Each structure stands twice: as C-alpha cells, then as structure tokens.
Amino acid sequence: MKWLVCFAGILVVLIAVNADVSHIVQENPVTEVCLRCICEASSDCDPTVRCTGEVCGMFRITWAYWSDAGKPVLQGDSPDSQSAYANCANDPQCAAATVQGYMRKFGQV
C-alpha cells in the first residue's frame, strides 16, 4: 500500500514538472540564436534603424505583424497609444517580444 501511495506521488510530480516545462517552451518559441539571425537578416542588427515606410526597427516590423503579436508595449505605454507600435518596434527588447508573440500565435511545431 505504501508503495502505491509513493508511486502515485511520484507520478503526480512528474506530470506537474512535464506540464511546467511545456509551458516554458511555449512561452519563448524562438531561441536567442534564431532571434539574432532574424535580426541580422533584417537589418544587420543596426540599433539606429527606425521607421522607414511601413516597417520599423531592427526586425523591420509592420503594424499588422505587431498587432498580430498581441501589441506588446514598453513599460508605461498603452497599446492604444498612437506611438506604441513605433516605440516597441524601435526598442530591441520589445521588438524581440513582438517576434516571440507572433510565433507563439502562428508558429507550428
């Protein structure tokens, strides 16, 4: 009987750990290496790149892409702000979060 209780406890822990790991993987579907490659291909990762035409920032993000990604914003900014898209796309961390959000929504395993 003790063996059965112990086995059930271990099984519950393994299921919880497995569920938690799958959540972490889904949280950041794009690796840092892949983000760097996308950035290099888009703009040579030039931090001075701003908005040109319909694209902004080092990842050359469009408003539609940013919107599809869930409209991530800089701290203190609102997704409804007129400048939220450009502010985020021109910020390396927010732009990377945009790519992650887009891939989380549309990426396929």
PDB file of N, CA and C in Angstrom:
ATOM      1  N   MET A   1       0.822  -1.192   0.000  1.00  0.00           N
ATOM      2  CA  MET A   1       0.000   0.000   0.000  1.00  0.00           C
ATOM      3  C   MET A   1       0.873   1.266   0.000  1.00  0.00           C
ATOM      4  N   LYS A   2       1.937   1.251   0.840  1.00  0.00           N
ATOM      5  CA  LYS A   2       2.831   2.410   0.879  1.00  0.00           C
ATOM      6  C   LYS A   2       3.478   2.625  -0.489  1.00  0.00           C
ATOM      7  N   TRP A   3       3.821   1.523  -1.147  1.00  0.00           N
ATOM      8  CA  TRP A   3       4.447   1.603  -2.458  1.00  0.00           C
ATOM      9  C   TRP A   3       3.524   2.279  -3.462  1.00  0.00           C
ATOM     10  N   LEU A   4       2.236   1.954  -3.416  1.00  0.00           N
ATOM     11  CA  LEU A   4       1.252   2.530  -4.324  1.00  0.00           C
ATOM     12  C   LEU A   4       1.093   4.027  -4.085  1.00  0.00           C
ATOM     13  N   VAL A   5       1.067   4.443  -2.824  1.00  0.00           N
ATOM     14  CA  VAL A   5       0.953   5.867  -2.484  1.00  0.00           C
ATOM     15  C   VAL A   5       2.199   6.610  -2.959  1.00  0.00           C
ATOM     16  N   CYS A   6       3.368   6.026  -2.732  1.00  0.00           N
ATOM     17  CA  CYS A   6       4.622   6.639  -3.168  1.00  0.00           C
ATOM     18  C   CYS A   6       4.663   6.763  -4.692  1.00  0.00           C
ATOM     19  N   PHE A   7       4.282   5.708  -5.383  1.00  0.00           N
ATOM     20  CA  PHE A   7       4.254   5.722  -6.845  1.00  0.00           C
ATOM     21  C   PHE A   7       3.301   6.795  -7.367  1.00  0.00           C
ATOM     22  N   ALA A   8       2.128   6.899  -6.758  1.00  0.00           N
ATOM     23  CA  ALA A   8       1.148   7.912  -7.177  1.00  0.00           C
ATOM     24  C   ALA A   8       1.703   9.314  -6.954  1.00  0.00           C
ATOM     25  N   GLY A   9       2.400   9.525  -5.847  1.00  0.00           N
ATOM     26  CA  GLY A   9       3.006  10.825  -5.565  1.00  0.00           C
ATOM     27  C   GLY A   9       4.059  11.196  -6.588  1.00  0.00           C
ATOM     28  N   ILE A  10       4.907  10.232  -6.931  1.00  0.00           N
ATOM     29  CA  ILE A  10       5.942  10.472  -7.942  1.00  0.00           C
ATOM     30  C   ILE A  10       5.307  10.767  -9.294  1.00  0.00           C
ATOM     31  N   LEU A  11       4.270  10.048  -9.635  1.00  0.00           N
ATOM     32  CA  LEU A  11       3.575  10.262 -10.898  1.00  0.00           C
ATOM     33  C   LEU A  11       2.995  11.674 -10.979  1.00  0.00           C
ATOM     34  N   VAL A  12       2.400  12.139  -9.895  1.00  0.00           N
ATOM     35  CA  VAL A  12       1.831  13.496  -9.862  1.00  0.00           C
ATOM     36  C   VAL A  12       2.932  14.532 -10.054  1.00  0.00           C
ATOM     37  N   VAL A  13       4.071  14.351  -9.386  1.00  0.00           N
ATOM     38  CA  VAL A  13       5.189  15.292  -9.522  1.00  0.00           C
ATOM     39  C   VAL A  13       5.710  15.297 -10.960  1.00  0.00           C
ATOM     40  N   LEU A  14       5.869  14.132 -11.560  1.00  0.00           N
ATOM     41  CA  LEU A  14       6.349  14.063 -12.944  1.00  0.00           C
ATOM     42  C   LEU A  14       5.396  14.743 -13.914  1.00  0.00           C
ATOM     43  N   ILE A  15       4.128  14.574 -13.726  1.00  0.00           N
ATOM     44  CA  ILE A  15       3.137  15.227 -14.589  1.00  0.00           C
ATOM     45  C   ILE A  15       3.214  16.737 -14.420  1.00  0.00           C
ATOM     46  N   ALA A  16       3.341  17.207 -13.183  1.00  0.00           N
ATOM     47  CA  ALA A  16       3.418  18.649 -12.921  1.00  0.00           C
ATOM     48  C   ALA A  16       4.674  19.246 -13.540  1.00  0.00           C
ATOM     49  N   VAL A  17       5.809  18.564 -13.402  1.00  0.00           N
ATOM     50  CA  VAL A  17       7.059  19.055 -13.981  1.00  0.00           C
ATOM     51  C   VAL A  17       6.967  19.079 -15.500  1.00  0.00           C
ATOM     52  N   ASN A  18       6.421  18.046 -16.100  1.00  0.00           N
ATOM     53  CA  ASN A  18       6.273  17.982 -17.550  1.00  0.00           C
ATOM     54  C   ASN A  18       5.374  19.099 -18.055  1.00  0.00           C
ATOM     55  N   ALA A  19       4.281  19.367 -17.389  1.00  0.00           N
ATOM     56  CA  ALA A  19       3.370  20.441 -17.795  1.00  0.00           C
ATOM     57  C   ALA A  19       4.075  21.779 -17.693  1.00  0.00           C
ATOM     58  N   ASP A  20       4.857  21.985 -16.638  1.00  0.00           N
ATOM     59  CA  ASP A  20       5.562  23.237 -16.443  1.00  0.00           C
ATOM     60  C   ASP A  20       6.607  23.440 -17.531  1.00  0.00           C
ATOM     61  N   VAL A  21       7.347  22.418 -17.904  1.00  0.00           N
ATOM     62  CA  VAL A  21       8.355  22.524 -18.955  1.00  0.00           C
ATOM     63  C   VAL A  21       7.711  22.849 -20.292  1.00  0.00           C
ATOM     64  N   SER A  22       6.596  22.236 -20.615  1.00  0.00           N
ATOM     65  CA  SER A  22       5.937  22.532 -21.884  1.00  0.00           C
ATOM     66  C   SER A  22       5.466  23.976 -21.926  1.00  0.00           C
ATOM     67  N   HIS A  23       5.085  24.534 -20.778  1.00  0.00           N
ATOM     68  CA  HIS A  23       4.674  25.939 -20.718  1.00  0.00           C
ATOM     69  C   HIS A  23       5.868  26.850 -21.009  1.00  0.00           C
ATOM     70  N   ILE A  24       7.028  26.524 -20.455  1.00  0.00           N
ATOM     71  CA  ILE A  24       8.222  27.335 -20.673  1.00  0.00           C
ATOM     72  C   ILE A  24       8.618  27.307 -22.143  1.00  0.00           C
ATOM     73  N   VAL A  25       8.573  26.151 -22.756  1.00  0.00           N
ATOM     74  CA  VAL A  25       8.915  26.038 -24.172  1.00  0.00           C
ATOM     75  C   VAL A  25       7.970  26.888 -25.011  1.00  0.00           C
ATOM     76  N   GLN A  26       6.688  26.843 -24.711  1.00  0.00           N
ATOM     77  CA  GLN A  26       5.703  27.623 -25.458  1.00  0.00           C
ATOM     78  C   GLN A  26       5.871  29.116 -25.196  1.00  0.00           C
ATOM     79  N   GLU A  27       6.333  29.479 -23.992  1.00  0.00           N
ATOM     80  CA  GLU A  27       6.470  30.884 -23.642  1.00  0.00           C
ATOM     81  C   GLU A  27       7.445  31.603 -24.577  1.00  0.00           C
ATOM     82  N   ASN A  28       8.554  30.966 -24.926  1.00  0.00           N
ATOM     83  CA  ASN A  28       9.533  31.545 -25.841  1.00  0.00           C
ATOM     84  C   ASN A  28       9.810  30.572 -26.983  1.00  0.00           C
ATOM     85  N   PRO A  29       8.982  30.595 -28.000  1.00  0.00           N
ATOM     86  CA  PRO A  29       9.136  29.632 -29.091  1.00  0.00           C
ATOM     87  C   PRO A  29      10.354  29.878 -29.977  1.00  0.00           C
ATOM     88  N   VAL A  30      10.927  31.074 -29.934  1.00  0.00           N
ATOM     89  CA  VAL A  30      12.079  31.406 -30.774  1.00  0.00           C
ATOM     90  C   VAL A  30      13.318  31.522 -29.885  1.00  0.00           C
ATOM     91  N   THR A  31      14.367  30.794 -30.224  1.00  0.00           N
ATOM     92  CA  THR A  31      15.599  30.845 -29.433  1.00  0.00           C
ATOM     93  C   THR A  31      16.311  32.182 -29.638  1.00  0.00           C
ATOM     94  N   GLU A  32      17.214  32.504 -28.722  1.00  0.00           N
ATOM     95  CA  GLU A  32      18.009  33.727 -28.846  1.00  0.00           C
ATOM     96  C   GLU A  32      18.857  33.695 -30.122  1.00  0.00           C
ATOM     97  N   VAL A  33      19.378  32.528 -30.457  1.00  0.00           N
ATOM     98  CA  VAL A  33      20.183  32.383 -31.679  1.00  0.00           C
ATOM     99  C   VAL A  33      19.331  32.686 -32.905  1.00  0.00           C
ATOM    100  N   CYS A  34      18.115  32.160 -32.928  1.00  0.00           N
ATOM    101  CA  CYS A  34      17.219  32.399 -34.058  1.00  0.00           C
ATOM    102  C   CYS A  34      16.831  33.876 -34.139  1.00  0.00           C
ATOM    103  N   LEU A  35      16.541  34.489 -32.993  1.00  0.00           N
ATOM    104  CA  LEU A  35      16.222  35.924 -32.985  1.00  0.00           C
ATOM    105  C   LEU A  35      17.381  36.731 -33.563  1.00  0.00           C
ATOM    106  N   ARG A  36      18.585  36.371 -33.190  1.00  0.00           N
ATOM    107  CA  ARG A  36      19.766  37.082 -33.688  1.00  0.00           C
ATOM    108  C   ARG A  36      19.880  36.930 -35.211  1.00  0.00           C
ATOM    109  N   CYS A  37      19.610  35.731 -35.709  1.00  0.00           N
ATOM    110  CA  CYS A  37      19.661  35.505 -37.165  1.00  0.00           C
ATOM    111  C   CYS A  37      18.604  36.332 -37.892  1.00  0.00           C
ATOM    112  N   ILE A  38      17.401  36.374 -37.345  1.00  0.00           N
ATOM    113  CA  ILE A  38      16.326  37.171 -37.951  1.00  0.00           C
ATOM    114  C   ILE A  38      16.727  38.638 -37.964  1.00  0.00           C
ATOM    115  N   CYS A  39      17.284  39.099 -36.856  1.00  0.00           N
ATOM    116  CA  CYS A  39      17.721  40.489 -36.740  1.00  0.00           C
ATOM    117  C   CYS A  39      18.827  40.800 -37.752  1.00  0.00           C
ATOM    118  N   GLU A  40      19.807  39.916 -37.848  1.00  0.00           N
ATOM    119  CA  GLU A  40      20.908  40.110 -38.806  1.00  0.00           C
ATOM    120  C   GLU A  40      20.387  40.166 -40.237  1.00  0.00           C
ATOM    121  N   ALA A  41      19.481  39.267 -40.575  1.00  0.00           N
ATOM    122  CA  ALA A  41      18.941  39.226 -41.935  1.00  0.00           C
ATOM    123  C   ALA A  41      18.070  40.442 -42.234  1.00  0.00           C
ATOM    124  N   SER A  42      17.416  40.972 -41.215  1.00  0.00           N
ATOM    125  CA  SER A  42      16.501  42.100 -41.417  1.00  0.00           C
ATOM    126  C   SER A  42      17.214  43.434 -41.541  1.00  0.00           C
ATOM    127  N   SER A  43      18.239  43.648 -40.694  1.00  0.00           N
ATOM    128  CA  SER A  43      18.842  44.985 -40.649  1.00  0.00           C
ATOM    129  C   SER A  43      20.313  44.997 -40.253  1.00  0.00           C
ATOM    130  N   ASP A  44      20.971  43.848 -40.268  1.00  0.00           N
ATOM    131  CA  ASP A  44      22.323  43.733 -39.716  1.00  0.00           C
ATOM    132  C   ASP A  44      22.338  44.094 -38.229  1.00  0.00           C
ATOM    133  N   CYS A  45      21.194  43.972 -37.587  1.00  0.00           N
ATOM    134  CA  CYS A  45      21.018  44.312 -36.162  1.00  0.00           C
ATOM    135  C   CYS A  45      21.497  45.732 -35.867  1.00  0.00           C
ATOM    136  N   ASP A  46      21.214  46.623 -36.765  1.00  0.00           N
ATOM    137  CA  ASP A  46      21.604  48.023 -36.612  1.00  0.00           C
ATOM    138  C   ASP A  46      20.644  48.715 -35.645  1.00  0.00           C
ATOM    139  N   PRO A  47      21.121  49.092 -34.447  1.00  0.00           N
ATOM    140  CA  PRO A  47      20.237  49.708 -33.458  1.00  0.00           C
ATOM    141  C   PRO A  47      19.775  51.120 -33.824  1.00  0.00           C
ATOM    142  N   THR A  48      20.378  51.707 -34.855  1.00  0.00           N
ATOM    143  CA  THR A  48      19.966  53.054 -35.254  1.00  0.00           C
ATOM    144  C   THR A  48      18.814  53.038 -36.255  1.00  0.00           C
ATOM    145  N   VAL A  49      18.454  51.840 -36.754  1.00  0.00           N
ATOM    146  CA  VAL A  49      17.357  51.725 -37.719  1.00  0.00           C
ATOM    147  C   VAL A  49      16.053  52.111 -37.029  1.00  0.00           C
ATOM    148  N   ARG A  50      15.292  52.968 -37.644  1.00  0.00           N
ATOM    149  CA  ARG A  50      14.000  53.400 -37.112  1.00  0.00           C
ATOM    150  C   ARG A  50      12.920  53.045 -38.128  1.00  0.00           C
ATOM    151  N   CYS A  51      11.869  53.807 -38.168  1.00  0.00           N
ATOM    152  CA  CYS A  51      10.766  53.535 -39.094  1.00  0.00           C
ATOM    153  C   CYS A  51      11.082  54.084 -40.483  1.00  0.00           C
ATOM    154  N   THR A  52      10.856  53.226 -41.482  1.00  0.00           N
ATOM    155  CA  THR A  52      11.023  53.604 -42.877  1.00  0.00           C
ATOM    156  C   THR A  52       9.849  53.013 -43.638  1.00  0.00           C
ATOM    157  N   GLY A  53       9.011  53.874 -44.184  1.00  0.00           N
ATOM    158  CA  GLY A  53       7.823  53.373 -44.879  1.00  0.00           C
ATOM    159  C   GLY A  53       6.907  52.651 -43.908  1.00  0.00           C
ATOM    160  N   GLU A  54       6.615  51.400 -44.198  1.00  0.00           N
ATOM    161  CA  GLU A  54       5.671  50.630 -43.382  1.00  0.00           C
ATOM    162  C   GLU A  54       6.341  49.707 -42.373  1.00  0.00           C
ATOM    163  N   VAL A  55       7.667  49.799 -42.215  1.00  0.00           N
ATOM    164  CA  VAL A  55       8.371  48.926 -41.277  1.00  0.00           C
ATOM    165  C   VAL A  55       9.183  49.741 -40.280  1.00  0.00           C
ATOM    166  N   CYS A  56       9.368  49.160 -39.089  1.00  0.00           N
ATOM    167  CA  CYS A  56      10.120  49.845 -38.035  1.00  0.00           C
ATOM    168  C   CYS A  56      11.103  48.903 -37.355  1.00  0.00           C
ATOM    169  N   GLY A  57      12.231  49.472 -36.954  1.00  0.00           N
ATOM    170  CA  GLY A  57      13.174  48.795 -36.080  1.00  0.00           C
ATOM    171  C   GLY A  57      14.053  47.744 -36.727  1.00  0.00           C
ATOM    172  N   MET A  58      14.893  47.160 -35.871  1.00  0.00           N
ATOM    173  CA  MET A  58      15.887  46.182 -36.308  1.00  0.00           C
ATOM    174  C   MET A  58      15.275  44.933 -36.926  1.00  0.00           C
ATOM    175  N   PHE A  59      14.038  44.603 -36.532  1.00  0.00           N
ATOM    176  CA  PHE A  59      13.371  43.426 -37.089  1.00  0.00           C
ATOM    177  C   PHE A  59      12.455  43.786 -38.265  1.00  0.00           C
ATOM    178  N   ARG A  60      12.418  45.090 -38.623  1.00  0.00           N
ATOM    179  CA  ARG A  60      11.596  45.580 -39.743  1.00  0.00           C
ATOM    180  C   ARG A  60      10.146  45.122 -39.583  1.00  0.00           C
ATOM    181  N   ILE A  61       9.560  45.468 -38.450  1.00  0.00           N
ATOM    182  CA  ILE A  61       8.218  45.027 -38.062  1.00  0.00           C
ATOM    183  C   ILE A  61       7.159  45.957 -38.646  1.00  0.00           C
ATOM    184  N   THR A  62       6.113  45.371 -39.219  1.00  0.00           N
ATOM    185  CA  THR A  62       4.974  46.155 -39.704  1.00  0.00           C
ATOM    186  C   THR A  62       3.951  46.304 -38.581  1.00  0.00           C
ATOM    187  N   TRP A  63       3.033  47.256 -38.748  1.00  0.00           N
ATOM    188  CA  TRP A  63       1.984  47.440 -37.744  1.00  0.00           C
ATOM    189  C   TRP A  63       1.131  46.175 -37.637  1.00  0.00           C
ATOM    190  N   ALA A  64       0.804  45.546 -38.765  1.00  0.00           N
ATOM    191  CA  ALA A  64      -0.031  44.338 -38.746  1.00  0.00           C
ATOM    192  C   ALA A  64       0.662  43.200 -37.996  1.00  0.00           C
ATOM    193  N   TYR A  65       1.967  43.032 -38.200  1.00  0.00           N
ATOM    194  CA  TYR A  65       2.726  41.984 -37.503  1.00  0.00           C
ATOM    195  C   TYR A  65       2.698  42.248 -36.001  1.00  0.00           C
ATOM    196  N   TRP A  66       2.960  43.500 -35.621  1.00  0.00           N
ATOM    197  CA  TRP A  66       2.937  43.906 -34.210  1.00  0.00           C
ATOM    198  C   TRP A  66       1.557  43.654 -33.607  1.00  0.00           C
ATOM    199  N   SER A  67       0.523  43.999 -34.339  1.00  0.00           N
ATOM    200  CA  SER A  67      -0.848  43.785 -33.869  1.00  0.00           C
ATOM    201  C   SER A  67      -1.145  42.297 -33.699  1.00  0.00           C
ATOM    202  N   ASP A  68      -0.772  41.494 -34.697  1.00  0.00           N
ATOM    203  CA  ASP A  68      -0.973  40.045 -34.619  1.00  0.00           C
ATOM    204  C   ASP A  68      -0.210  39.432 -33.445  1.00  0.00           C
ATOM    205  N   ALA A  69       0.904  40.044 -33.072  1.00  0.00           N
ATOM    206  CA  ALA A  69       1.729  39.545 -31.968  1.00  0.00           C
ATOM    207  C   ALA A  69       1.141  39.884 -30.605  1.00  0.00           C
ATOM    208  N   GLY A  70       0.044  40.616 -30.586  1.00  0.00           N
ATOM    209  CA  GLY A  70      -0.602  40.959 -29.321  1.00  0.00           C
ATOM    210  C   GLY A  70      -0.345  42.378 -28.851  1.00  0.00           C
ATOM    211  N   LYS A  71       0.237  43.202 -29.714  1.00  0.00           N
ATOM    212  CA  LYS A  71       0.528  44.601 -29.407  1.00  0.00           C
ATOM    213  C   LYS A  71       1.344  44.776 -28.124  1.00  0.00           C
ATOM    214  N   PRO A  72       2.527  44.142 -28.057  1.00  0.00           N
ATOM    215  CA  PRO A  72       3.368  44.362 -26.876  1.00  0.00           C
ATOM    216  C   PRO A  72       3.802  45.823 -26.814  1.00  0.00           C
ATOM    217  N   VAL A  73       4.011  46.329 -25.620  1.00  0.00           N
ATOM    218  CA  VAL A  73       4.375  47.737 -25.441  1.00  0.00           C
ATOM    219  C   VAL A  73       5.514  47.880 -24.440  1.00  0.00           C
ATOM    220  N   LEU A  74       6.160  49.024 -24.500  1.00  0.00           N
ATOM    221  CA  LEU A  74       7.155  49.368 -23.497  1.00  0.00           C
ATOM    222  C   LEU A  74       6.446  49.638 -22.177  1.00  0.00           C
ATOM    223  N   GLN A  75       7.167  49.453 -21.083  1.00  0.00           N
ATOM    224  CA  GLN A  75       6.579  49.698 -19.771  1.00  0.00           C
ATOM    225  C   GLN A  75       6.072  51.139 -19.692  1.00  0.00           C
ATOM    226  N   GLY A  76       4.846  51.292 -19.229  1.00  0.00           N
ATOM    227  CA  GLY A  76       4.238  52.605 -19.096  1.00  0.00           C
ATOM    228  C   GLY A  76       3.502  53.073 -20.337  1.00  0.00           C
ATOM    229  N   ASP A  77       3.620  52.328 -21.423  1.00  0.00           N
ATOM    230  CA  ASP A  77       2.934  52.679 -22.667  1.00  0.00           C
ATOM    231  C   ASP A  77       1.623  51.905 -22.756  1.00  0.00           C
ATOM    232  N   SER A  78       0.715  52.376 -23.579  1.00  0.00           N
ATOM    233  CA  SER A  78      -0.569  51.710 -23.787  1.00  0.00           C
ATOM    234  C   SER A  78      -0.633  51.206 -25.222  1.00  0.00           C
ATOM    235  N   PRO A  79      -1.187  50.008 -25.453  1.00  0.00           N
ATOM    236  CA  PRO A  79      -1.308  49.514 -26.827  1.00  0.00           C
ATOM    237  C   PRO A  79      -2.172  50.415 -27.703  1.00  0.00           C
ATOM    238  N   ASP A  80      -2.988  51.239 -27.077  1.00  0.00           N
ATOM    239  CA  ASP A  80      -3.867  52.141 -27.821  1.00  0.00           C
ATOM    240  C   ASP A  80      -3.214  53.477 -28.153  1.00  0.00           C
ATOM    241  N   SER A  81      -2.020  53.703 -27.637  1.00  0.00           N
ATOM    242  CA  SER A  81      -1.297  54.943 -27.905  1.00  0.00           C
ATOM    243  C   SER A  81      -0.900  55.010 -29.378  1.00  0.00           C
ATOM    244  N   GLN A  82      -0.939  56.204 -29.948  1.00  0.00           N
ATOM    245  CA  GLN A  82      -0.558  56.403 -31.356  1.00  0.00           C
ATOM    246  C   GLN A  82       0.888  55.973 -31.619  1.00  0.00           C
ATOM    247  N   SER A  83       1.745  56.110 -30.608  1.00  0.00           N
ATOM    248  CA  SER A  83       3.167  55.817 -30.800  1.00  0.00           C
ATOM    249  C   SER A  83       3.587  54.445 -30.272  1.00  0.00           C
ATOM    250  N   ALA A  84       2.657  53.652 -29.746  1.00  0.00           N
ATOM    251  CA  ALA A  84       3.001  52.364 -29.119  1.00  0.00           C
ATOM    252  C   ALA A  84       3.711  51.420 -30.087  1.00  0.00           C
ATOM    253  N   TYR A  85       3.201  51.317 -31.303  1.00  0.00           N
ATOM    254  CA  TYR A  85       3.801  50.416 -32.303  1.00  0.00           C
ATOM    255  C   TYR A  85       5.241  50.814 -32.597  1.00  0.00           C
ATOM    256  N   ALA A  86       5.473  52.068 -32.951  1.00  0.00           N
ATOM    257  CA  ALA A  86       6.826  52.521 -33.294  1.00  0.00           C
ATOM    258  C   ALA A  86       7.753  52.438 -32.083  1.00  0.00           C
ATOM    259  N   ASN A  87       7.253  52.820 -30.914  1.00  0.00           N
ATOM    260  CA  ASN A  87       8.077  52.746 -29.706  1.00  0.00           C
ATOM    261  C   ASN A  87       8.556  51.320 -29.463  1.00  0.00           C
ATOM    262  N   CYS A  88       7.658  50.366 -29.605  1.00  0.00           N
ATOM    263  CA  CYS A  88       8.006  48.961 -29.372  1.00  0.00           C
ATOM    264  C   CYS A  88       8.921  48.431 -30.473  1.00  0.00           C
ATOM    265  N   ALA A  89       8.552  48.635 -31.709  1.00  0.00           N
ATOM    266  CA  ALA A  89       9.333  48.092 -32.828  1.00  0.00           C
ATOM    267  C   ALA A  89      10.746  48.663 -32.877  1.00  0.00           C
ATOM    268  N   ASN A  90      10.941  49.881 -32.378  1.00  0.00           N
ATOM    269  CA  ASN A  90      12.258  50.510 -32.372  1.00  0.00           C
ATOM    270  C   ASN A  90      13.079  50.167 -31.134  1.00  0.00           C
ATOM    271  N   ASP A  91      12.494  49.444 -30.192  1.00  0.00           N
ATOM    272  CA  ASP A  91      13.192  49.008 -28.986  1.00  0.00           C
ATOM    273  C   ASP A  91      13.586  47.536 -29.160  1.00  0.00           C
ATOM    274  N   PRO A  92      14.875  47.202 -29.065  1.00  0.00           N
ATOM    275  CA  PRO A  92      15.298  45.815 -29.327  1.00  0.00           C
ATOM    276  C   PRO A  92      14.573  44.760 -28.489  1.00  0.00           C
ATOM    277  N   GLN A  93      14.383  45.001 -27.204  1.00  0.00           N
ATOM    278  CA  GLN A  93      13.718  44.004 -26.356  1.00  0.00           C
ATOM    279  C   GLN A  93      12.240  43.878 -26.680  1.00  0.00           C
ATOM    280  N   CYS A  94      11.571  44.980 -26.881  1.00  0.00           N
ATOM    281  CA  CYS A  94      10.145  44.936 -27.203  1.00  0.00           C
ATOM    282  C   CYS A  94       9.935  44.333 -28.594  1.00  0.00           C
ATOM    283  N   ALA A  95      10.831  44.658 -29.517  1.00  0.00           N
ATOM    284  CA  ALA A  95      10.732  44.080 -30.863  1.00  0.00           C
ATOM    285  C   ALA A  95      10.926  42.564 -30.813  1.00  0.00           C
ATOM    286  N   ALA A  96      11.877  42.093 -30.001  1.00  0.00           N
ATOM    287  CA  ALA A  96      12.080  40.648 -29.840  1.00  0.00           C
ATOM    288  C   ALA A  96      10.845  40.011 -29.211  1.00  0.00           C
ATOM    289  N   ALA A  97      10.229  40.703 -28.252  1.00  0.00           N
ATOM    290  CA  ALA A  97       8.987  40.201 -27.642  1.00  0.00           C
ATOM    291  C   ALA A  97       7.874  40.131 -28.682  1.00  0.00           C
ATOM    292  N   THR A  98       7.893  41.042 -29.641  1.00  0.00           N
ATOM    293  CA  THR A  98       6.907  41.023 -30.725  1.00  0.00           C
ATOM    294  C   THR A  98       7.081  39.770 -31.578  1.00  0.00           C
ATOM    295  N   VAL A  99       8.315  39.457 -31.930  1.00  0.00           N
ATOM    296  CA  VAL A  99       8.582  38.245 -32.714  1.00  0.00           C
ATOM    297  C   VAL A  99       8.136  37.012 -31.924  1.00  0.00           C
ATOM    298  N   GLN A 100       8.463  36.979 -30.635  1.00  0.00           N
ATOM    299  CA  GLN A 100       8.048  35.846 -29.793  1.00  0.00           C
ATOM    300  C   GLN A 100       6.525  35.724 -29.763  1.00  0.00           C
ATOM    301  N   GLY A 101       5.837  36.846 -29.587  1.00  0.00           N
ATOM    302  CA  GLY A 101       4.373  36.824 -29.537  1.00  0.00           C
ATOM    303  C   GLY A 101       3.757  36.355 -30.842  1.00  0.00           C
ATOM    304  N   TYR A 102       4.325  36.803 -31.941  1.00  0.00           N
ATOM    305  CA  TYR A 102       3.817  36.389 -33.252  1.00  0.00           C
ATOM    306  C   TYR A 102       4.007  34.885 -33.451  1.00  0.00           C
ATOM    307  N   MET A 103       5.182  34.396 -33.112  1.00  0.00           N
ATOM    308  CA  MET A 103       5.461  32.967 -33.286  1.00  0.00           C
ATOM    309  C   MET A 103       4.668  32.115 -32.301  1.00  0.00           C
ATOM    310  N   ARG A 104       4.419  32.654 -31.127  1.00  0.00           N
ATOM    311  CA  ARG A 104       3.584  31.935 -30.163  1.00  0.00           C
ATOM    312  C   ARG A 104       2.185  31.728 -30.736  1.00  0.00           C
ATOM    313  N   LYS A 105       1.707  32.741 -31.455  1.00  0.00           N
ATOM    314  CA  LYS A 105       0.356  32.682 -32.012  1.00  0.00           C
ATOM    315  C   LYS A 105       0.294  31.861 -33.300  1.00  0.00           C
ATOM    316  N   PHE A 106       1.277  32.018 -34.179  1.00  0.00           N
ATOM    317  CA  PHE A 106       1.198  31.413 -35.507  1.00  0.00           C
ATOM    318  C   PHE A 106       2.225  30.313 -35.776  1.00  0.00           C
ATOM    319  N   GLY A 107       3.214  30.156 -34.902  1.00  0.00           N
ATOM    320  CA  GLY A 107       4.252  29.154 -35.123  1.00  0.00           C
ATOM    321  C   GLY A 107       3.695  27.742 -35.100  1.00  0.00           C
ATOM    322  N   GLN A 108       4.313  26.887 -35.857  1.00  0.00           N
ATOM    323  CA  GLN A 108       3.900  25.482 -35.912  1.00  0.00           C
ATOM    324  C   GLN A 108       5.082  24.608 -35.544  1.00  0.00           C
ATOM    325  N   VAL A 109       4.806  23.578 -34.792  1.00  0.00           N
ATOM    326  CA  VAL A 109       5.864  22.670 -34.347  1.00  0.00           C
ATOM    327  C   VAL A 109       6.030  21.553 -35.337  1.00  0.00           C
TER     328      VAL A 109
END
